[in-house]
Amino acid sequence: MKLVKSLLLGTAAGLTVVGGAQAADLPVKKAIPIEYVRVCTAYGAGFFYIPGTDTCLRVSGRARAEYGYIGSDSRNVPGGGDLSGFTGLARFNIDARTQTGYGTLRAFLRLDAASRTGHTKFASGTNERIGYAFSGTGQDQRGRVQNFINVDKAFVQFAGLTAGRASSFFDFYAADYEIIGSSLGSNLASTNLLAYTQKFGEGWSATISMEDPNYRKNPLFSDAFAATAQPGAGGISGVNNVFTTAPSPIILATNAAGNATAVYFVDAVQRSRMPDFVGTLRYDAPWGSAQLSAAVKDINIGGPIANSGITNLPALGATVNPLTGAITNGGLSNAQIAALQAARGVTAGSQTEYGWAVQAGAKFNLPFIAPGDGLYLQGAYGEGASLYTGINRFTAGYLSNASVYTGNPFNQFFSDAIINPLSGRIELSNSFTAVASFLHYWSPEWRSAFYASYGEIWFSQGARQAVSLTSTLVNQGAANSPPSYLTNPFGYANSAALRDTYQVVTGASLIWSPVKDLDIGVEGQYIKTGVKNGRVFDANRGGNPFTVSSEDVYQARFRVQRDF
């Protein structure tokens, strides 16, 4: 019995020793370090370090709801009759910054997405034409439902370099205080660019920017044939063809009555041949800021379209292809065109002219009136640069001419240039705008903006007279063509085609911010558009004998917006 007891005790002791030895040999499992998100204070509130990196990140966004009303109830034109519209917008921002030996390396992204309804200023044809928006095909086939998608910002900044998609460096005020944002003046929030900024002195900086030309091209005015045009049958469009070759007629010969007897066609669509170049000089100080901007851009047309010449127009009966300018039956050879050009002194071949714009602006901080108060003053002038001066900011962009609102009495013209149908030369338009905007805080929670803007655009009188002669190109006084100043002076005097116009856009707002980053506000606008001299036929009243010299429209917009 003692022997058995001794064996059991010895075995237990041995197992204990062996077990302890095995336990001592097992690896000890250590706790995984926790990567805490750390606050980054180097670049302001809201930034945090991306775990495991030295990059600071800020994520923010916006939700917006708007309801608008515009005082146009005309149903005399397709799509007319809408008075109201709605929009819901989402915005997402990502801001990433890293400190380097060359300064801050920054990448900024912003995406805007919205759903908009109503065939008013809510559903924007300008945004559709530039590719920011697309419309639904519901019961009325386009126009009243529109989805808006825009990569508003996507740029890198490093050692003075800005590369990517950003606001144009030409801009200054850019409707900073407004809800609707349609006061006259340059306001291009999104373009593709490559720029360099150099800071010097106390508060001074200079920037040279190479910017995408497609966002600042307004089409040329070209008296192109309509799709059904046939010589002798009428059908000159008298407006522009934007999305095609846009053949524009050049008159090579006329008879004693002023009728064109020989013409050829040139390609009137502007191509992308060089970037726009923008330069700015800016000064920032405690009292505010000031900026001087300048821009230069090319305006170009193609040469004669092959086999597009026509002679003996009234009797020829040739059919013109509106997309190519080619003649189906009969016409002039290229050699004949060259001979007539030489005799008439008309310039042949492709052409390039250079448009330009300058802008000066100043912002004044006015804390002595109330904390947060400010005043903007800005003016711009340009030749062949209507999208830089912003004369078309309220009416429309990327069109030769457009209605001020749906169903208005006459169109407003915005072409960067005209192709003179007698000389064949590009002749630039001229425009200017001026704006003043004042922001006042009635209290920390209540504020208002008051703004007024004015602009004019005008064209070469000789070019307008020459364009009127093309009304005789297929049939004197043809429908939809500007009457000739020689054969129909009354009709020419009252034609809206290529008329010099002015516009006033003014408004005021009241915004309540009960808590931080929440705005609830309303803004009203008054817009007046008129011809600079004379009168034009009222399209809403059947034309002759009813004429108008100006038109007025009102609009209002209510907004609820939360930023975070």
Protein backbone atom coordinates (compact mmCIF):
# COMPACT_ATOMS: atom_id res chain seq x y z
CA MET A 1 0.00 0.00 0.00
CA LYS A 2 2.82 2.38 0.85
CA LEU A 3 4.44 1.48 -2.46
CA VAL A 4 1.29 2.36 -4.43
CA LYS A 5 0.90 5.64 -2.51
CA SER A 6 4.53 6.57 -3.21
CA LEU A 7 4.11 5.83 -6.93
CA LEU A 8 0.97 7.98 -7.20
CA LEU A 9 2.56 10.93 -5.42
CA GLY A 10 5.69 10.67 -7.53
CA THR A 11 3.65 10.54 -10.75
CA ALA A 12 1.62 13.59 -9.73
CA ALA A 13 4.75 15.51 -8.87
CA GLY A 14 6.30 14.58 -12.17
CA LEU A 15 3.22 15.65 -14.14
CA THR A 16 3.20 18.93 -12.27
CA VAL A 17 6.82 19.61 -13.16
CA VAL A 18 6.28 18.63 -16.80
CA GLY A 19 3.06 20.68 -17.03
CA GLY A 20 4.81 23.70 -15.56
CA ALA A 21 7.66 23.34 -18.00
CA GLN A 22 5.25 23.15 -20.95
CA ALA A 23 3.32 26.19 -19.73
CA ALA A 24 6.53 28.16 -19.45
CA ASP A 25 7.35 27.30 -23.07
CA LEU A 26 4.01 28.64 -24.52
CA PRO A 27 4.17 32.13 -26.23
CA VAL A 28 2.46 34.95 -24.38
CA LYS A 29 -0.27 36.70 -26.49
CA LYS A 30 0.24 40.51 -26.41
CA ALA A 31 -2.56 43.06 -26.82
CA ILE A 32 -2.79 44.70 -30.31
CA PRO A 33 -2.01 48.43 -30.11
CA ILE A 34 -5.14 50.52 -30.65
CA GLU A 35 -4.91 53.23 -33.37
CA TYR A 36 -6.82 56.12 -31.89
CA VAL A 37 -8.15 58.84 -34.22
CA ARG A 38 -6.27 61.97 -33.25
CA VAL A 39 -7.47 65.51 -33.72
CA CYS A 40 -5.41 67.59 -36.17
CA THR A 41 -5.30 71.24 -35.14
CA ALA A 42 -2.89 72.49 -37.80
CA TYR A 43 -5.56 73.36 -40.39
CA GLY A 44 -8.58 74.38 -38.36
CA ALA A 45 -11.61 72.69 -36.86
CA GLY A 46 -12.84 69.33 -38.10
CA PHE A 47 -9.55 67.83 -39.24
CA PHE A 48 -8.25 64.51 -37.91
CA TYR A 49 -5.25 62.34 -38.68
CA ILE A 50 -5.85 59.35 -40.91
CA PRO A 51 -4.70 56.47 -38.62
CA GLY A 52 -1.17 55.38 -39.40
CA THR A 53 -0.37 58.48 -41.48
CA ASP A 54 0.59 62.12 -41.03
CA THR A 55 -2.22 63.26 -43.35
CA CYS A 56 -5.02 65.36 -41.91
CA LEU A 57 -8.50 64.81 -43.29
CA ARG A 58 -11.75 66.73 -43.05
CA VAL A 59 -15.07 65.31 -44.30
CA SER A 60 -17.99 67.71 -44.67
CA GLY A 61 -21.15 68.18 -46.67
CA ARG A 62 -24.34 70.05 -47.35
CA ALA A 63 -28.05 69.32 -47.71
CA ARG A 64 -30.22 71.94 -49.43
CA ALA A 65 -33.90 72.31 -50.31
CA GLU A 66 -35.24 75.12 -52.48
CA TYR A 67 -38.56 76.27 -53.86
CA GLY A 68 -38.74 78.95 -56.53
CA TYR A 69 -41.27 81.10 -58.37
CA ILE A 70 -40.82 83.17 -61.54
CA GLY A 71 -43.40 85.60 -62.90
CA SER A 72 -43.77 84.23 -66.42
CA ASP A 73 -47.05 82.56 -67.36
CA SER A 74 -46.80 82.73 -71.15
CA ARG A 75 -47.84 79.56 -72.99
CA ASN A 76 -47.22 80.95 -76.47
CA VAL A 77 -44.00 78.98 -76.81
CA PRO A 78 -43.25 75.28 -76.31
CA GLY A 79 -42.51 74.59 -72.67
CA GLY A 80 -44.02 77.86 -71.46
CA GLY A 81 -46.43 78.20 -68.57
CA ASP A 82 -44.43 76.93 -65.60
CA LEU A 83 -44.28 79.29 -62.62
CA SER A 84 -42.59 77.20 -59.93
CA GLY A 85 -39.81 74.72 -59.37
CA PHE A 86 -38.20 72.58 -56.68
CA THR A 87 -34.70 71.32 -56.00
CA GLY A 88 -32.98 69.03 -53.53
CA LEU A 89 -29.18 69.09 -53.42
CA ALA A 90 -26.48 66.97 -51.79
CA ARG A 91 -22.83 68.05 -51.49
CA PHE A 92 -19.86 66.01 -50.31
CA ASN A 93 -16.45 67.51 -49.47
CA ILE A 94 -13.15 65.76 -48.70
CA ASP A 95 -10.11 67.86 -47.78
CA ALA A 96 -6.76 66.06 -47.25
CA ARG A 97 -3.61 67.94 -46.20
CA THR A 98 -0.05 66.86 -45.40
CA GLN A 99 2.80 69.06 -44.24
CA THR A 100 5.95 68.65 -46.34
CA GLY A 101 9.31 70.35 -46.73
CA TYR A 102 7.82 72.36 -49.58
CA GLY A 103 4.77 73.46 -47.61
CA THR A 104 1.28 71.97 -47.44
CA LEU A 105 0.30 69.25 -49.89
CA ARG A 106 -3.45 69.43 -50.38
CA ALA A 107 -6.08 67.43 -52.29
CA PHE A 108 -9.67 68.66 -52.30
CA LEU A 109 -12.74 66.87 -53.69
CA ARG A 110 -16.31 68.15 -53.97
CA LEU A 111 -19.26 66.41 -55.59
CA ASP A 112 -22.64 68.08 -56.10
CA ALA A 113 -25.77 66.12 -56.97
CA ALA A 114 -29.30 67.48 -57.23
CA SER A 115 -32.79 66.76 -58.48
CA ARG A 116 -34.57 69.76 -59.96
CA THR A 117 -38.05 70.21 -61.41
CA GLY A 118 -39.94 72.94 -63.21
CA HIS A 119 -39.32 74.46 -66.64
CA THR A 120 -38.06 77.68 -65.10
CA LYS A 121 -34.60 78.83 -64.01
CA PHE A 122 -34.41 75.70 -61.83
CA ALA A 123 -34.03 73.33 -64.78
CA SER A 124 -30.98 74.86 -66.41
CA GLY A 125 -30.36 74.51 -70.13
CA THR A 126 -26.92 76.01 -69.56
CA ASN A 127 -25.99 73.08 -67.32
CA GLU A 128 -27.36 70.58 -69.83
CA ARG A 129 -25.35 72.09 -72.66
CA ILE A 130 -22.10 71.92 -70.68
CA GLY A 131 -22.79 68.38 -69.46
CA TYR A 132 -23.58 68.99 -65.79
CA ALA A 133 -27.20 67.87 -66.03
CA PHE A 134 -29.50 65.55 -67.90
CA SER A 135 -33.26 65.70 -68.18
CA GLY A 136 -36.00 63.13 -67.77
CA THR A 137 -38.26 61.99 -70.59
CA GLY A 138 -41.56 61.98 -68.76
CA GLN A 139 -45.05 62.79 -69.98
CA ASP A 140 -44.01 66.11 -71.53
CA GLN A 141 -40.77 64.80 -73.07
CA ARG A 142 -37.94 66.68 -71.37
CA GLY A 143 -37.72 69.93 -69.51
CA ARG A 144 -39.46 69.60 -66.16
CA VAL A 145 -37.34 66.99 -64.36
CA GLN A 146 -33.58 67.34 -64.35
CA ASN A 147 -30.79 65.56 -62.51
CA PHE A 148 -27.65 67.55 -61.85
CA ILE A 149 -24.25 65.90 -61.34
CA ASN A 150 -21.09 67.94 -61.12
CA VAL A 151 -17.54 67.16 -60.05
CA ASP A 152 -17.33 70.69 -58.70
CA LYS A 153 -13.80 70.39 -57.31
CA ALA A 154 -11.00 67.86 -57.72
CA PHE A 155 -7.63 69.57 -57.44
CA VAL A 156 -4.15 69.18 -55.98
CA GLN A 157 -2.24 72.11 -54.46
CA PHE A 158 1.49 71.89 -53.83
CA ALA A 159 4.23 74.53 -53.59
CA GLY A 160 2.11 77.18 -55.33
CA LEU A 161 0.76 74.80 -57.97
CA THR A 162 -2.98 74.20 -58.44
CA ALA A 163 -3.89 71.39 -60.85
CA GLY A 164 -7.27 69.83 -61.56
CA ARG A 165 -10.87 71.00 -61.44
CA ALA A 166 -11.39 74.25 -59.54
CA SER A 167 -12.98 77.69 -59.73
CA SER A 168 -11.59 79.95 -62.40
CA PHE A 169 -8.88 82.25 -61.07
CA PHE A 170 -10.45 85.07 -63.12
CA ASP A 171 -13.45 85.20 -60.77
CA PHE A 172 -13.69 87.41 -57.71
CA TYR A 173 -17.17 88.18 -56.33
CA ALA A 174 -18.92 85.22 -58.02
CA ALA A 175 -22.31 85.86 -56.33
CA ASP A 176 -20.78 85.25 -52.91
CA TYR A 177 -23.66 86.76 -50.91
CA GLU A 178 -26.57 85.49 -53.03
CA ILE A 179 -29.02 82.59 -52.92
CA ILE A 180 -30.02 82.46 -56.60
CA GLY A 181 -26.57 83.52 -57.77
CA SER A 182 -27.49 85.14 -61.07
CA SER A 183 -26.24 88.72 -60.75
CA LEU A 184 -24.23 89.76 -63.79
CA GLY A 185 -20.52 88.99 -63.58
CA SER A 186 -18.04 86.19 -64.07
CA ASN A 187 -18.95 83.11 -62.02
CA LEU A 188 -17.39 79.85 -63.23
CA ALA A 189 -17.29 77.56 -60.21
CA SER A 190 -15.93 74.54 -62.10
CA THR A 191 -13.29 74.39 -64.82
CA ASN A 192 -10.17 72.38 -65.55
CA LEU A 193 -6.95 74.30 -65.04
CA LEU A 194 -3.24 74.32 -64.29
CA ALA A 195 -2.10 77.38 -62.32
CA TYR A 196 0.81 78.71 -60.31
CA THR A 197 0.47 81.25 -57.50
CA GLN A 198 3.36 83.22 -56.05
CA LYS A 199 3.00 85.11 -52.78
CA PHE A 200 5.16 88.15 -52.14
CA GLY A 201 5.24 91.12 -49.84
CA GLU A 202 2.61 91.51 -47.18
CA GLY A 203 -0.69 90.10 -48.48
CA TRP A 204 0.20 90.18 -52.19
CA SER A 205 -0.10 87.25 -54.59
CA ALA A 206 0.04 86.76 -58.36
CA THR A 207 -1.37 83.84 -60.35
CA ILE A 208 -0.96 82.66 -63.92
CA SER A 209 -3.52 80.05 -64.94
CA MET A 210 -3.98 77.91 -68.05
CA GLU A 211 -7.72 77.07 -68.18
CA ASP A 212 -9.97 74.82 -70.24
CA PRO A 213 -11.33 76.92 -73.15
CA ASN A 214 -14.51 74.87 -73.59
CA TYR A 215 -16.09 76.35 -70.46
CA ARG A 216 -15.73 79.93 -71.78
CA LYS A 217 -16.77 79.51 -75.43
CA ASN A 218 -20.04 81.05 -76.54
CA PRO A 219 -20.89 80.06 -80.13
CA LEU A 220 -20.49 82.42 -83.04
CA PHE A 221 -23.49 83.95 -84.76
CA SER A 222 -23.83 82.31 -88.17
CA ASP A 223 -26.66 82.80 -90.64
CA ALA A 224 -26.84 79.09 -91.39
CA PHE A 225 -29.42 77.27 -93.45
CA ALA A 226 -32.29 75.56 -91.66
CA ALA A 227 -32.74 71.84 -92.18
CA THR A 228 -35.43 72.32 -94.86
CA ALA A 229 -33.76 75.21 -96.66
CA GLN A 230 -33.74 75.26 -100.44
CA PRO A 231 -32.70 78.20 -102.57
CA GLY A 232 -35.84 79.90 -103.81
CA ALA A 233 -38.01 78.25 -101.16
CA GLY A 234 -37.13 80.24 -98.03
CA GLY A 235 -35.84 78.93 -94.74
CA ILE A 236 -32.80 80.88 -93.53
CA SER A 237 -32.47 80.27 -89.80
CA GLY A 238 -30.95 83.62 -88.94
CA VAL A 239 -29.66 82.13 -85.71
CA ASN A 240 -26.91 79.73 -84.77
CA ASN A 241 -26.21 76.05 -85.25
CA VAL A 242 -24.15 75.00 -82.26
CA PHE A 243 -23.81 71.24 -82.40
CA THR A 244 -22.93 70.71 -86.09
CA THR A 245 -20.53 72.02 -88.68
CA ALA A 246 -22.75 75.15 -88.72
CA PRO A 247 -22.12 76.26 -92.31
CA SER A 248 -22.18 80.04 -92.42
CA PRO A 249 -22.71 81.75 -95.80
CA ILE A 250 -20.22 84.20 -97.28
CA ILE A 251 -21.70 86.32 -100.08
CA LEU A 252 -19.40 86.56 -103.07
CA ALA A 253 -21.66 88.46 -105.47
CA THR A 254 -24.93 90.42 -105.39
CA ASN A 255 -27.17 91.96 -108.05
CA ALA A 256 -28.52 95.49 -108.30
CA ALA A 257 -31.46 94.65 -106.03
CA GLY A 258 -29.13 93.51 -103.27
CA ASN A 259 -29.89 89.83 -103.78
CA ALA A 260 -27.01 87.42 -103.30
CA THR A 261 -26.10 85.63 -106.53
CA ALA A 262 -23.07 83.63 -105.41
CA VAL A 263 -22.16 82.29 -101.97
CA TYR A 264 -20.01 79.69 -100.31
CA PHE A 265 -20.01 78.32 -96.74
CA VAL A 266 -17.42 78.20 -93.97
CA ASP A 267 -17.34 76.00 -90.87
CA ALA A 268 -18.54 78.31 -88.06
CA VAL A 269 -17.98 75.99 -85.08
CA GLN A 270 -15.16 76.96 -82.73
CA ARG A 271 -12.63 74.19 -82.12
CA SER A 272 -10.31 73.81 -79.12
CA ARG A 273 -6.97 75.08 -80.39
CA MET A 274 -5.36 76.66 -77.36
CA PRO A 275 -6.18 77.04 -73.65
CA ASP A 276 -7.43 80.28 -72.16
CA PHE A 277 -4.73 82.15 -70.27
CA VAL A 278 -5.70 84.00 -67.09
CA GLY A 279 -3.53 86.24 -64.92
CA THR A 280 -4.47 87.81 -61.58
CA LEU A 281 -2.91 90.18 -59.06
CA ARG A 282 -4.49 90.01 -55.61
CA TYR A 283 -4.07 91.81 -52.30
CA ASP A 284 -5.48 90.61 -48.96
CA ALA A 285 -5.49 92.69 -45.79
CA PRO A 286 -7.54 93.03 -42.59
CA TRP A 287 -9.75 95.65 -44.30
CA GLY A 288 -10.66 93.23 -47.13
CA SER A 289 -9.19 92.27 -50.49
CA ALA A 290 -8.76 93.48 -54.06
CA GLN A 291 -8.08 91.69 -57.33
CA LEU A 292 -7.22 92.58 -60.90
CA SER A 293 -7.87 89.82 -63.47
CA ALA A 294 -7.14 89.49 -67.18
CA ALA A 295 -7.85 86.73 -69.69
CA VAL A 296 -7.13 86.01 -73.34
CA LYS A 297 -8.83 83.37 -75.50
CA ASP A 298 -8.84 82.34 -79.13
CA ILE A 299 -11.91 82.53 -81.39
CA ASN A 300 -11.65 80.48 -84.54
CA ILE A 301 -13.54 79.29 -87.61
CA GLY A 302 -12.72 76.79 -90.33
CA GLY A 303 -12.14 77.50 -94.00
CA PRO A 304 -14.52 77.01 -96.92
CA ILE A 305 -16.47 73.77 -96.82
CA ALA A 306 -15.64 71.67 -99.87
CA ASN A 307 -18.13 71.85 -102.75
CA SER A 308 -20.34 74.32 -100.88
CA GLY A 309 -20.43 77.17 -103.39
CA ILE A 310 -23.67 78.21 -105.10
CA THR A 311 -24.26 80.60 -107.98
CA ASN A 312 -27.42 81.86 -109.76
CA LEU A 313 -29.31 81.29 -106.52
CA PRO A 314 -32.90 82.21 -107.49
CA ALA A 315 -32.96 79.79 -110.41
CA LEU A 316 -30.59 77.04 -109.34
CA GLY A 317 -32.84 74.99 -107.07
CA ALA A 318 -29.92 73.35 -105.30
CA THR A 319 -30.44 71.69 -101.92
CA VAL A 320 -28.07 72.62 -99.09
CA ASN A 321 -27.15 70.05 -96.43
CA PRO A 322 -27.46 72.01 -93.13
CA LEU A 323 -24.92 69.75 -91.40
CA THR A 324 -22.13 69.94 -93.96
CA GLY A 325 -22.97 72.82 -96.28
CA ALA A 326 -22.56 70.50 -99.27
CA ILE A 327 -24.65 71.15 -102.39
CA THR A 328 -26.73 68.22 -103.65
CA ASN A 329 -27.55 69.63 -107.07
CA GLY A 330 -25.30 72.15 -108.79
CA GLY A 331 -22.85 74.62 -107.29
CA LEU A 332 -19.45 76.27 -107.59
CA SER A 333 -16.13 74.48 -107.77
CA ASN A 334 -13.38 75.34 -105.31
CA ALA A 335 -11.50 77.05 -108.13
CA GLN A 336 -14.53 79.22 -108.90
CA ILE A 337 -14.86 80.09 -105.21
CA ALA A 338 -11.19 81.12 -105.11
CA ALA A 339 -11.61 83.34 -108.17
CA LEU A 340 -14.67 85.06 -106.71
CA GLN A 341 -12.89 85.50 -103.38
CA ALA A 342 -9.95 87.17 -105.09
CA ALA A 343 -12.25 89.50 -107.00
CA ARG A 344 -14.17 90.42 -103.83
CA GLY A 345 -11.20 90.58 -101.49
CA VAL A 346 -12.75 87.98 -99.16
CA THR A 347 -10.38 86.22 -96.77
CA ALA A 348 -10.04 82.51 -97.43
CA GLY A 349 -8.96 79.71 -95.13
CA SER A 350 -9.42 79.19 -91.41
CA GLN A 351 -9.21 82.22 -89.15
CA THR A 352 -8.32 82.97 -85.55
CA GLU A 353 -9.02 86.12 -83.58
CA TYR A 354 -8.25 86.72 -79.92
CA GLY A 355 -10.86 87.73 -77.41
CA TRP A 356 -9.91 89.24 -74.08
CA ALA A 357 -11.40 90.45 -70.82
CA VAL A 358 -10.29 92.45 -67.79
CA GLN A 359 -11.93 92.64 -64.38
CA ALA A 360 -11.31 94.64 -61.22
CA GLY A 361 -12.93 93.98 -57.88
CA ALA A 362 -12.65 94.94 -54.22
CA LYS A 363 -14.18 93.56 -51.04
CA PHE A 364 -14.46 95.72 -47.93
CA ASN A 365 -14.99 94.27 -44.45
CA LEU A 366 -17.32 96.55 -42.50
CA PRO A 367 -17.28 95.41 -38.85
CA PHE A 368 -17.90 98.99 -37.70
CA ILE A 369 -21.45 98.64 -39.08
CA ALA A 370 -21.97 95.12 -37.71
CA PRO A 371 -19.71 92.08 -37.27
CA GLY A 372 -19.66 90.11 -40.53
CA ASP A 373 -20.79 92.97 -42.77
CA GLY A 374 -19.11 93.33 -46.16
CA LEU A 375 -19.30 95.17 -49.47
CA TYR A 376 -18.25 93.92 -52.92
CA LEU A 377 -17.64 96.17 -55.93
CA GLN A 378 -16.70 94.66 -59.29
CA GLY A 379 -16.58 95.59 -62.97
CA ALA A 380 -15.55 93.70 -66.12
CA TYR A 381 -15.10 94.54 -69.81
CA GLY A 382 -14.32 92.22 -72.72
CA GLU A 383 -14.23 91.71 -76.46
CA GLY A 384 -15.29 88.31 -77.71
CA ALA A 385 -15.53 87.14 -74.10
CA SER A 386 -19.15 87.25 -72.96
CA LEU A 387 -18.69 84.35 -70.52
CA TYR A 388 -15.83 86.25 -68.85
CA THR A 389 -17.78 89.46 -68.40
CA GLY A 390 -20.82 87.40 -67.30
CA ILE A 391 -23.36 89.40 -69.32
CA ASN A 392 -25.29 86.16 -69.90
CA ARG A 393 -25.24 85.02 -66.28
CA PHE A 394 -29.00 85.33 -65.76
CA THR A 395 -30.29 84.47 -69.23
CA ALA A 396 -28.21 81.55 -70.54
CA GLY A 397 -24.73 80.33 -71.40
CA TYR A 398 -23.31 78.39 -74.36
CA LEU A 399 -25.89 79.77 -76.79
CA SER A 400 -25.66 82.39 -79.51
CA ASN A 401 -29.03 83.74 -78.37
CA ALA A 402 -31.57 82.73 -75.77
CA SER A 403 -34.86 83.73 -74.24
CA VAL A 404 -34.53 85.71 -71.03
CA TYR A 405 -37.26 83.51 -69.58
CA THR A 406 -39.67 81.02 -71.10
CA GLY A 407 -42.13 82.95 -73.25
CA ASN A 408 -40.41 86.34 -73.19
CA PRO A 409 -41.12 88.82 -76.04
CA PHE A 410 -37.63 88.67 -77.64
CA ASN A 411 -34.32 86.89 -77.40
CA GLN A 412 -31.05 88.29 -76.09
CA PHE A 413 -27.90 87.70 -78.19
CA PHE A 414 -24.59 86.62 -76.62
CA SER A 415 -22.32 85.51 -79.47
CA ASP A 416 -18.61 86.00 -78.90
CA ALA A 417 -18.32 87.04 -82.53
CA ILE A 418 -20.10 87.33 -85.87
CA ILE A 419 -18.92 86.00 -89.21
CA ASN A 420 -19.44 88.97 -91.51
CA PRO A 421 -21.13 87.46 -94.59
CA LEU A 422 -19.66 90.13 -96.90
CA SER A 423 -16.05 90.26 -95.74
CA GLY A 424 -15.81 86.72 -94.38
CA ARG A 425 -14.04 88.09 -91.31
CA ILE A 426 -14.61 87.35 -87.63
CA GLU A 427 -15.91 90.47 -85.86
CA LEU A 428 -15.91 90.37 -82.07
CA SER A 429 -18.76 91.43 -79.80
CA ASN A 430 -18.23 93.81 -76.87
CA SER A 431 -19.68 93.53 -73.38
CA PHE A 432 -19.31 94.86 -69.85
CA THR A 433 -20.87 94.26 -66.45
CA ALA A 434 -20.78 95.94 -63.05
CA VAL A 435 -22.08 94.68 -59.70
CA ALA A 436 -22.32 95.94 -56.12
CA SER A 437 -23.35 93.67 -53.25
CA PHE A 438 -23.75 94.51 -49.57
CA LEU A 439 -24.18 92.00 -46.73
CA HIS A 440 -25.56 93.21 -43.41
CA TYR A 441 -26.11 91.34 -40.13
CA TRP A 442 -29.17 92.68 -38.34
CA SER A 443 -28.19 90.42 -35.45
CA PRO A 444 -25.97 87.33 -35.14
CA GLU A 445 -28.92 85.22 -36.32
CA TRP A 446 -30.37 87.47 -39.03
CA ARG A 447 -28.66 88.81 -42.15
CA SER A 448 -29.58 90.30 -45.53
CA ALA A 449 -27.85 90.84 -48.85
CA PHE A 450 -28.66 93.71 -51.21
CA TYR A 451 -27.19 93.67 -54.71
CA ALA A 452 -27.54 95.32 -58.09
CA SER A 453 -25.83 94.56 -61.39
CA TYR A 454 -25.91 96.05 -64.88
CA GLY A 455 -24.49 94.90 -68.20
CA GLU A 456 -24.49 95.60 -71.93
CA ILE A 457 -23.50 93.67 -75.04
CA TRP A 458 -23.19 95.15 -78.53
CA PHE A 459 -22.12 94.06 -82.01
CA SER A 460 -20.59 95.52 -85.15
CA GLN A 461 -23.26 97.55 -86.94
CA GLY A 462 -21.68 96.77 -90.29
CA ALA A 463 -21.77 93.05 -89.57
CA ARG A 464 -25.44 93.25 -88.55
CA GLN A 465 -26.28 95.05 -91.78
CA ALA A 466 -24.36 92.45 -93.78
CA VAL A 467 -26.17 89.64 -91.98
CA SER A 468 -29.49 91.23 -92.91
CA LEU A 469 -28.54 90.94 -96.58
CA THR A 470 -28.46 87.17 -96.28
CA SER A 471 -32.25 87.24 -95.94
CA THR A 472 -32.17 87.52 -99.72
CA LEU A 473 -29.89 84.51 -99.98
CA VAL A 474 -32.76 82.11 -100.65
CA ASN A 475 -35.80 84.33 -100.70
CA GLN A 476 -35.99 88.00 -99.89
CA GLY A 477 -37.77 88.49 -96.57
CA ALA A 478 -37.85 84.73 -95.91
CA ALA A 479 -39.45 83.63 -92.66
CA ASN A 480 -37.18 83.52 -89.62
CA SER A 481 -34.55 85.69 -91.28
CA PRO A 482 -33.62 89.27 -90.33
CA PRO A 483 -35.07 91.65 -92.94
CA SER A 484 -32.55 93.43 -95.14
CA TYR A 485 -31.63 96.97 -94.15
CA LEU A 486 -31.69 97.87 -97.87
CA THR A 487 -34.88 96.21 -99.05
CA ASN A 488 -36.94 96.29 -95.83
CA PRO A 489 -35.63 99.03 -93.52
CA PHE A 490 -38.75 98.95 -91.30
CA GLY A 491 -38.46 95.21 -90.72
CA TYR A 492 -34.71 95.53 -90.16
CA ALA A 493 -35.18 98.32 -87.60
CA ASN A 494 -37.61 96.15 -85.63
CA SER A 495 -35.77 92.84 -86.01
CA ALA A 496 -34.46 91.34 -82.78
CA ALA A 497 -31.59 89.60 -84.59
CA LEU A 498 -28.19 90.75 -83.30
CA ARG A 499 -29.65 93.69 -81.40
CA ASP A 500 -27.52 95.43 -78.81
CA THR A 501 -29.07 94.84 -75.39
CA TYR A 502 -28.73 95.80 -71.77
CA GLN A 503 -29.81 93.98 -68.62
CA VAL A 504 -30.37 94.82 -64.97
CA VAL A 505 -30.40 92.09 -62.29
CA THR A 506 -31.04 93.25 -58.74
CA GLY A 507 -32.29 91.57 -55.59
CA ALA A 508 -32.38 91.27 -51.81
CA SER A 509 -32.53 88.44 -49.29
CA LEU A 510 -33.36 87.74 -45.66
CA ILE A 511 -31.69 84.74 -43.99
CA TRP A 512 -32.24 83.33 -40.51
CA SER A 513 -29.57 81.15 -38.87
CA PRO A 514 -31.08 79.95 -35.58
CA VAL A 515 -28.22 77.52 -34.99
CA LYS A 516 -24.72 77.21 -36.41
CA ASP A 517 -24.53 76.02 -40.04
CA LEU A 518 -28.29 76.20 -40.63
CA ASP A 519 -29.70 78.79 -43.04
CA ILE A 520 -33.39 79.42 -43.69
CA GLY A 521 -33.85 82.25 -46.14
CA VAL A 522 -35.72 83.86 -49.01
CA GLU A 523 -34.47 86.02 -51.89
CA GLY A 524 -36.32 88.09 -54.46
CA GLN A 525 -35.04 89.38 -57.81
CA TYR A 526 -36.10 91.93 -60.39
CA ILE A 527 -34.70 91.60 -63.93
CA LYS A 528 -35.09 94.12 -66.75
CA THR A 529 -33.81 93.43 -70.27
CA GLY A 530 -34.06 95.84 -73.18
CA VAL A 531 -32.65 96.86 -76.54
CA LYS A 532 -30.25 99.78 -76.37
CA ASN A 533 -32.11 101.73 -79.03
CA GLY A 534 -35.35 101.41 -80.99
CA ARG A 535 -37.93 98.67 -80.58
CA VAL A 536 -38.38 95.03 -81.57
CA PHE A 537 -41.39 92.95 -82.56
CA ASP A 538 -43.21 91.36 -79.60
CA ALA A 539 -43.14 87.61 -80.24
CA ASN A 540 -45.82 87.07 -77.59
CA ARG A 541 -48.35 89.19 -79.51
CA GLY A 542 -47.81 87.91 -82.99
CA GLY A 543 -45.13 90.40 -84.02
CA ASN A 544 -46.15 93.27 -86.31
CA PRO A 545 -47.53 95.75 -85.39
CA PHE A 546 -46.85 95.13 -81.69
CA THR A 547 -43.38 96.18 -80.57
CA VAL A 548 -41.52 96.42 -77.27
CA SER A 549 -38.28 98.02 -76.13
CA SER A 550 -37.79 96.10 -72.87
CA GLU A 551 -39.18 93.33 -70.70
CA ASP A 552 -39.43 92.72 -66.96
CA VAL A 553 -39.57 89.58 -64.88
CA TYR A 554 -39.57 88.81 -61.15
CA GLN A 555 -38.49 85.70 -59.33
CA ALA A 556 -38.17 84.52 -55.74
CA ARG A 557 -36.54 81.56 -54.07
CA PHE A 558 -36.88 80.00 -50.60
CA ARG A 559 -34.01 77.91 -49.19
CA VAL A 560 -33.31 75.64 -46.24
CA GLN A 561 -29.66 74.60 -46.02
CA ARG A 562 -27.58 72.66 -43.50
CA ASP A 563 -23.77 72.47 -43.66
CA PHE A 564 -21.76 70.05 -41.57
